[in-house]
Amino acid sequence: MNVPGSRNAITDVPGLLVGNAEDHALKSGVTVLTAETPFLAGVDVRGGAPGTRETDLLAPGRLVETVDALVLSGGSAFGLDAASGVCDALRDSGRGYPAGTARVPIVPAAILFDLMNGGDKAWRTNPYRALGEAALAAAGLDFAQGSTGAGTGALTANLKGGLGSASLVLESGVTVGALVAVNALGRATLPDGRHFLAGPLEIDDEFGGLGPGAERLSLIGPGYLKGLDPEPGTNTTIAIVATDAALDKAAATRMAAAAHDGLARALYPAHTPFDGDLVFGVSTGRVPVDGDAFTARLLIEHAAAHCLARAVARGLHAARPMSGDVLPCWSQPRGSIS
């Protein structure tokens, strides 16, 4: 039987650590995934408006096989500077790809747009470098979800978004986990505002225990999206799926691609021209893939999608109201949700 790990978080994958840093006046923040040693990573981009750093090197066949950290950040293009803070701190600690006498930390990053969420964006000095360094310093096995890190100022069509995570331990002993900052153009709930689209996948009432709900989804339209006037690049859900199974870069990339099914199960619509939806795939390589490798990979990919869908719902479920919010939280009274 496949069950969540002890934390029901991506850090159930042995060796992985997550840190958050945020500024609630800014209504934005940064989340960093790292490990004690470099780890293999791939990436798959499906949204029409991505914002990234160093993702080209994650393609199979590129020289560098492993990375030192992955960064998820708010702030749109400004948030890419968070990776610079992480990179500097890693170099100070002696981490990085050896290049002659130098060491160059490899820190791919992805950003979401949270510049119109009610926060104070009138900074003179870009705040994201410092937030990235602080998030790395906070990295550990336990971390907060909801209105924290890269999910601090995240929004969906009708509710505050947030940072979510979930995990599964497969019958084979392989662990799979997901981490996501949900800032989608679409919704994560049915039209009643309470039942999550990911409801059929819920485990142990992890996001409210309401079940799948009886309402049907209508076609996308202004009524469903509350008259939202979408603009290119003003949303984005960014995620990481990880496993301790020994995957090569091509298989990790394939796992990231399959995990996008989890976004499609949990968000309606997903992968729009206005979102920069992206999933990183991570392997720590600690557990050999024995027996039928194709079947083993299929189960890992399916688990990654399952975890990511649940992580989306958990991010919204954990979000909390704060001063200046432009949308309600799932946790607020029913009358404030539509």
Protein backbone atom coordinates (compact mmCIF):
# COMPACT_ATOMS: atom_id res chain seq x y z
CA MET A 1 0.00 0.00 0.00
CA ASN A 2 1.32 3.46 -0.92
CA VAL A 3 1.15 5.87 2.04
CA PRO A 4 2.50 9.37 2.77
CA GLY A 5 5.87 9.64 4.46
CA SER A 6 6.20 10.75 8.07
CA ARG A 7 6.12 14.46 7.17
CA ASN A 8 3.85 14.19 4.11
CA ALA A 9 6.32 16.53 2.44
CA ILE A 10 9.06 16.49 -0.16
CA THR A 11 11.63 16.22 2.64
CA ASP A 12 10.46 12.63 3.17
CA VAL A 13 12.83 11.96 0.24
CA PRO A 14 16.00 11.29 2.26
CA GLY A 15 18.69 13.92 1.85
CA LEU A 16 16.47 16.81 0.74
CA LEU A 17 16.02 20.02 2.72
CA VAL A 18 13.66 22.96 2.21
CA GLY A 19 13.90 26.51 3.47
CA ASN A 20 11.52 29.48 3.26
CA ALA A 21 11.95 33.22 3.63
CA GLU A 22 9.33 35.88 3.14
CA ASP A 23 8.47 39.53 3.66
CA HIS A 24 4.80 39.96 4.56
CA ALA A 25 4.80 43.68 3.79
CA LEU A 26 6.15 42.82 0.35
CA LYS A 27 3.70 39.88 0.15
CA SER A 28 6.33 37.75 -1.50
CA GLY A 29 9.06 35.28 -0.70
CA VAL A 30 11.44 32.53 -1.71
CA THR A 31 11.62 28.77 -1.24
CA VAL A 32 14.85 26.82 -1.68
CA LEU A 33 15.28 23.07 -2.06
CA THR A 34 18.79 21.82 -1.41
CA ALA A 35 20.70 18.83 -0.03
CA GLU A 36 23.96 18.07 1.72
CA THR A 37 25.43 16.87 -1.57
CA PRO A 38 24.64 17.79 -5.21
CA PHE A 39 21.63 16.07 -6.76
CA LEU A 40 20.43 15.30 -10.27
CA ALA A 41 17.65 17.43 -11.76
CA GLY A 42 15.62 17.86 -14.94
CA VAL A 43 12.82 20.24 -15.88
CA ASP A 44 9.65 20.38 -17.99
CA VAL A 45 7.95 23.67 -18.93
CA ARG A 46 4.31 23.69 -20.05
CA GLY A 47 3.04 27.21 -19.42
CA GLY A 48 3.14 29.97 -22.01
CA ALA A 49 4.95 32.59 -19.91
CA PRO A 50 7.84 31.02 -17.95
CA GLY A 51 10.56 32.89 -16.08
CA THR A 52 13.69 30.84 -15.41
CA ARG A 53 17.40 30.77 -14.73
CA GLU A 54 19.87 28.02 -15.73
CA THR A 55 17.18 25.58 -16.86
CA ASP A 56 18.86 24.86 -20.21
CA LEU A 57 21.68 23.02 -18.44
CA LEU A 58 19.15 20.54 -17.00
CA ALA A 59 18.49 18.99 -20.41
CA PRO A 60 19.84 15.48 -20.96
CA GLY A 61 23.24 15.62 -22.66
CA ARG A 62 24.41 18.84 -21.01
CA LEU A 63 27.81 18.84 -19.30
CA VAL A 64 26.70 19.42 -15.70
CA GLU A 65 24.78 16.44 -14.28
CA THR A 66 23.93 17.73 -10.80
CA VAL A 67 22.81 20.93 -9.08
CA ASP A 68 23.36 22.38 -5.61
CA ALA A 69 19.92 23.90 -5.08
CA LEU A 70 16.66 24.79 -6.80
CA VAL A 71 14.89 28.10 -6.19
CA LEU A 72 11.18 28.91 -6.39
CA SER A 73 10.54 32.63 -6.01
CA GLY A 74 7.91 35.31 -6.20
CA GLY A 75 8.69 38.66 -7.72
CA SER A 76 8.43 37.92 -11.43
CA ALA A 77 11.76 38.67 -13.19
CA PHE A 78 13.03 40.47 -10.09
CA GLY A 79 12.73 37.19 -8.18
CA LEU A 80 15.39 35.51 -10.31
CA ASP A 81 17.90 37.45 -8.21
CA ALA A 82 17.05 35.12 -5.31
CA ALA A 83 19.24 32.50 -6.99
CA SER A 84 22.18 34.92 -6.81
CA GLY A 85 21.85 35.08 -3.03
CA VAL A 86 21.69 31.29 -2.83
CA CYS A 87 24.67 30.97 -5.19
CA ASP A 88 26.80 33.37 -3.14
CA ALA A 89 26.01 31.59 0.12
CA LEU A 90 26.75 28.16 -1.34
CA ARG A 91 30.10 29.38 -2.68
CA ASP A 92 30.97 30.78 0.74
CA SER A 93 30.37 27.30 2.18
CA GLY A 94 32.64 25.65 -0.39
CA ARG A 95 29.89 24.26 -2.60
CA GLY A 96 29.86 24.36 -6.39
CA TYR A 97 30.90 22.76 -9.65
CA PRO A 98 34.71 22.63 -9.86
CA ALA A 99 35.91 24.76 -12.78
CA GLY A 100 39.70 25.02 -12.59
CA THR A 101 40.53 26.73 -9.33
CA ALA A 102 37.01 28.12 -8.99
CA ARG A 103 33.78 26.64 -7.68
CA VAL A 104 30.51 27.61 -9.31
CA PRO A 105 27.29 26.62 -7.48
CA ILE A 106 24.61 25.43 -9.88
CA VAL A 107 21.28 26.96 -8.86
CA PRO A 108 18.44 26.77 -11.40
CA ALA A 109 15.43 28.91 -10.53
CA ALA A 110 11.84 29.62 -11.57
CA ILE A 111 9.64 32.58 -10.69
CA LEU A 112 5.95 33.41 -10.39
CA PHE A 113 4.21 36.76 -10.81
CA ASP A 114 2.94 38.30 -7.55
CA LEU A 115 3.41 42.00 -8.25
CA MET A 116 -0.29 42.92 -8.05
CA ASN A 117 -1.31 41.17 -4.83
CA GLY A 118 -1.58 44.16 -2.49
CA GLY A 119 1.99 44.11 -1.18
CA ASP A 120 4.42 47.01 -1.03
CA LYS A 121 6.49 46.72 -4.21
CA ALA A 122 8.13 50.16 -4.06
CA TRP A 123 11.58 48.83 -3.21
CA ARG A 124 14.76 50.69 -4.15
CA THR A 125 17.03 47.67 -3.77
CA ASN A 126 15.89 44.31 -5.09
CA PRO A 127 14.93 42.31 -1.97
CA TYR A 128 15.10 38.85 -3.50
CA ARG A 129 18.86 38.25 -3.24
CA ALA A 130 18.62 38.60 0.55
CA LEU A 131 15.46 36.48 0.68
CA GLY A 132 17.20 33.73 -1.29
CA GLU A 133 20.14 33.70 1.10
CA ALA A 134 17.77 33.63 4.10
CA ALA A 135 15.75 30.76 2.63
CA LEU A 136 18.89 28.70 2.11
CA ALA A 137 20.00 29.40 5.68
CA ALA A 138 16.59 28.17 6.93
CA ALA A 139 16.73 24.88 5.00
CA GLY A 140 15.78 21.84 7.05
CA LEU A 141 13.56 18.78 7.17
CA ASP A 142 10.52 20.61 8.54
CA PHE A 143 9.09 23.71 6.87
CA ALA A 144 5.86 25.67 6.88
CA GLN A 145 3.25 25.49 4.13
CA GLY A 146 0.61 27.96 2.97
CA SER A 147 1.37 31.69 3.09
CA THR A 148 5.12 31.32 3.30
CA GLY A 149 8.17 31.21 1.05
CA ALA A 150 7.37 31.42 -2.65
CA GLY A 151 3.69 30.97 -1.79
CA THR A 152 3.48 34.07 0.44
CA GLY A 153 1.71 36.28 -2.07
CA ALA A 154 0.41 33.64 -4.45
CA LEU A 155 -3.14 33.87 -5.78
CA THR A 156 -5.58 31.77 -7.79
CA ALA A 157 -8.73 32.90 -9.62
CA ASN A 158 -10.86 32.98 -6.47
CA LEU A 159 -8.63 32.28 -3.45
CA LYS A 160 -5.19 32.94 -2.07
CA GLY A 161 -2.70 30.39 -3.30
CA GLY A 162 0.19 29.11 -1.27
CA LEU A 163 3.10 26.73 -0.82
CA GLY A 164 2.15 23.06 -0.59
CA SER A 165 3.89 19.73 -0.30
CA ALA A 166 2.99 16.03 -0.18
CA SER A 167 4.67 12.63 -0.40
CA LEU A 168 4.13 8.93 -1.01
CA VAL A 169 6.19 5.90 -0.03
CA LEU A 170 5.64 3.22 -2.66
CA GLU A 171 5.40 -0.52 -2.02
CA SER A 172 8.86 -0.84 -3.58
CA GLY A 173 10.28 1.36 -0.80
CA VAL A 174 10.87 4.28 -3.16
CA THR A 175 9.79 7.69 -1.83
CA VAL A 176 8.29 10.39 -4.05
CA GLY A 177 7.48 13.94 -2.98
CA ALA A 178 6.23 17.23 -4.41
CA LEU A 179 6.64 20.91 -3.54
CA VAL A 180 4.61 23.63 -5.27
CA ALA A 181 3.95 27.36 -5.17
CA VAL A 182 0.39 27.77 -6.49
CA ASN A 183 -0.23 31.07 -8.28
CA ALA A 184 -2.59 29.94 -11.03
CA LEU A 185 -4.83 31.81 -13.43
CA GLY A 186 -7.43 29.10 -12.79
CA ARG A 187 -9.07 27.63 -9.71
CA ALA A 188 -8.12 24.77 -7.41
CA THR A 189 -11.71 24.36 -6.20
CA LEU A 190 -15.10 23.56 -7.65
CA PRO A 191 -17.53 26.47 -8.14
CA ASP A 192 -18.75 26.11 -4.54
CA GLY A 193 -15.31 27.37 -3.46
CA ARG A 194 -14.80 24.61 -0.86
CA HIS A 195 -14.31 21.27 -2.58
CA PHE A 196 -10.87 20.85 -4.09
CA LEU A 197 -10.50 19.51 -7.61
CA ALA A 198 -7.88 17.16 -6.13
CA GLY A 199 -10.49 15.86 -3.65
CA PRO A 200 -10.60 12.30 -5.06
CA LEU A 201 -6.85 11.97 -4.35
CA GLU A 202 -6.97 13.20 -0.73
CA ILE A 203 -5.32 11.06 1.96
CA ASP A 204 -6.34 11.24 5.65
CA ASP A 205 -8.25 14.55 5.39
CA GLU A 206 -5.00 16.33 4.48
CA PHE A 207 -6.84 19.28 2.93
CA GLY A 208 -10.16 19.44 4.74
CA GLY A 209 -11.71 16.02 4.22
CA LEU A 210 -14.65 17.32 2.20
CA GLY A 211 -14.40 14.64 -0.46
CA PRO A 212 -14.64 15.14 -4.21
CA GLY A 213 -17.84 17.20 -4.27
CA ALA A 214 -20.84 16.79 -6.54
CA GLU A 215 -20.62 19.88 -8.74
CA ARG A 216 -19.54 19.68 -12.34
CA LEU A 217 -17.08 21.99 -14.02
CA SER A 218 -18.40 24.33 -16.68
CA LEU A 219 -16.44 25.48 -19.68
CA ILE A 220 -13.87 28.15 -18.97
CA GLY A 221 -15.31 31.64 -19.23
CA PRO A 222 -15.54 35.02 -17.52
CA GLY A 223 -18.16 33.72 -15.10
CA TYR A 224 -15.98 30.85 -13.98
CA LEU A 225 -12.92 33.09 -13.57
CA LYS A 226 -14.93 35.87 -11.86
CA GLY A 227 -14.43 38.31 -14.74
CA LEU A 228 -10.65 38.12 -14.45
CA ASP A 229 -8.91 39.99 -17.25
CA PRO A 230 -5.81 37.85 -17.72
CA GLU A 231 -2.58 39.33 -18.99
CA PRO A 232 0.38 37.28 -20.29
CA GLY A 233 2.89 36.40 -17.62
CA THR A 234 0.85 37.46 -14.59
CA ASN A 235 0.36 34.05 -12.98
CA THR A 236 2.34 30.74 -12.86
CA THR A 237 2.49 27.59 -10.76
CA ILE A 238 6.04 26.36 -10.17
CA ALA A 239 6.88 23.01 -8.62
CA ILE A 240 9.47 20.36 -7.81
CA VAL A 241 8.89 16.61 -7.74
CA ALA A 242 11.56 14.40 -6.25
CA THR A 243 12.42 10.78 -5.59
CA ASP A 244 15.19 8.75 -4.00
CA ALA A 245 15.03 6.29 -6.90
CA ALA A 246 18.17 6.25 -9.05
CA LEU A 247 17.06 8.05 -12.22
CA ASP A 248 19.23 9.52 -14.94
CA LYS A 249 18.60 13.04 -16.21
CA ALA A 250 16.30 11.85 -18.99
CA ALA A 251 14.17 9.85 -16.54
CA ALA A 252 14.05 12.77 -14.07
CA THR A 253 12.89 15.02 -16.89
CA ARG A 254 10.24 12.48 -17.84
CA MET A 255 9.08 12.36 -14.21
CA ALA A 256 8.70 16.15 -14.26
CA ALA A 257 6.70 15.90 -17.49
CA ALA A 258 4.37 13.27 -16.03
CA ALA A 259 3.92 15.34 -12.87
CA HIS A 260 2.26 18.08 -14.92
CA ASP A 261 -0.75 15.74 -15.00
CA GLY A 262 -1.06 16.54 -11.29
CA LEU A 263 -1.39 20.24 -12.06
CA ALA A 264 -4.07 19.47 -14.62
CA ARG A 265 -5.98 17.39 -12.04
CA ALA A 266 -5.79 20.08 -9.36
CA LEU A 267 -6.14 23.33 -11.33
CA TYR A 268 -8.76 24.40 -13.86
CA PRO A 269 -7.48 25.53 -16.30
CA ALA A 270 -3.78 24.72 -16.14
CA HIS A 271 -0.88 25.39 -18.54
CA THR A 272 -2.53 28.47 -20.02
CA PRO A 273 -0.78 31.05 -22.22
CA PHE A 274 -0.89 33.37 -19.19
CA ASP A 275 0.88 30.96 -16.79
CA GLY A 276 4.53 29.94 -16.81
CA ASP A 277 3.81 26.51 -15.32
CA LEU A 278 7.03 24.56 -14.73
CA VAL A 279 8.05 21.40 -12.87
CA PHE A 280 11.58 20.42 -11.84
CA GLY A 281 12.30 16.69 -11.46
CA VAL A 282 14.86 15.63 -8.83
CA SER A 283 16.59 12.32 -8.09
CA THR A 284 18.87 11.77 -5.13
CA GLY A 285 19.80 8.34 -6.53
CA ARG A 286 19.85 6.50 -3.21
CA VAL A 287 17.55 3.58 -4.13
CA PRO A 288 18.40 1.36 -7.11
CA VAL A 289 15.58 0.73 -9.59
CA ASP A 290 15.45 -3.08 -9.61
CA GLY A 291 13.45 -5.48 -11.75
CA ASP A 292 11.29 -4.13 -14.55
CA ALA A 293 12.67 -0.59 -14.93
CA PHE A 294 9.85 0.54 -17.23
CA THR A 295 7.15 -0.45 -14.74
CA ALA A 296 9.12 1.05 -11.86
CA ARG A 297 9.44 4.36 -13.68
CA LEU A 298 5.74 4.33 -14.60
CA LEU A 299 4.80 3.97 -10.93
CA ILE A 300 7.23 6.72 -9.90
CA GLU A 301 5.86 9.08 -12.54
CA HIS A 302 2.27 8.33 -11.54
CA ALA A 303 3.16 8.93 -7.87
CA ALA A 304 4.77 12.27 -8.78
CA ALA A 305 1.56 13.46 -10.46
CA HIS A 306 -0.50 12.19 -7.50
CA CYS A 307 1.71 14.02 -4.99
CA LEU A 308 1.71 17.24 -6.98
CA ALA A 309 -2.09 17.36 -7.23
CA ARG A 310 -2.37 16.88 -3.46
CA ALA A 311 0.36 19.46 -2.82
CA VAL A 312 -1.63 22.06 -4.78
CA ALA A 313 -4.67 21.56 -2.56
CA ARG A 314 -2.55 21.49 0.61
CA GLY A 315 -0.99 24.83 -0.33
CA LEU A 316 -4.39 26.54 -0.55
CA HIS A 317 -5.70 24.71 2.51
CA ALA A 318 -2.78 26.02 4.60
CA ALA A 319 -2.96 29.64 3.36
CA ARG A 320 -3.85 32.20 6.03
CA PRO A 321 -5.38 35.70 5.82
CA MET A 322 -3.10 38.70 6.21
CA SER A 323 -3.46 42.47 6.12
CA GLY A 324 -3.97 43.88 2.65
CA ASP A 325 -5.07 40.62 1.01
CA VAL A 326 -6.92 41.05 -2.28
CA LEU A 327 -8.55 37.58 -2.12
CA PRO A 328 -9.88 35.40 0.73
CA CYS A 329 -8.29 32.18 1.97
CA TRP A 330 -9.89 28.75 1.80
CA SER A 331 -9.80 28.70 5.61
CA GLN A 332 -12.07 31.75 5.93
CA PRO A 333 -15.85 31.52 6.42
CA ARG A 334 -17.83 30.20 3.49
CA GLY A 335 -19.47 33.54 2.81
CA SER A 336 -16.15 35.09 1.84
CA ILE A 337 -15.41 32.39 -0.76
CA SER A 338 -16.94 32.10 -4.20
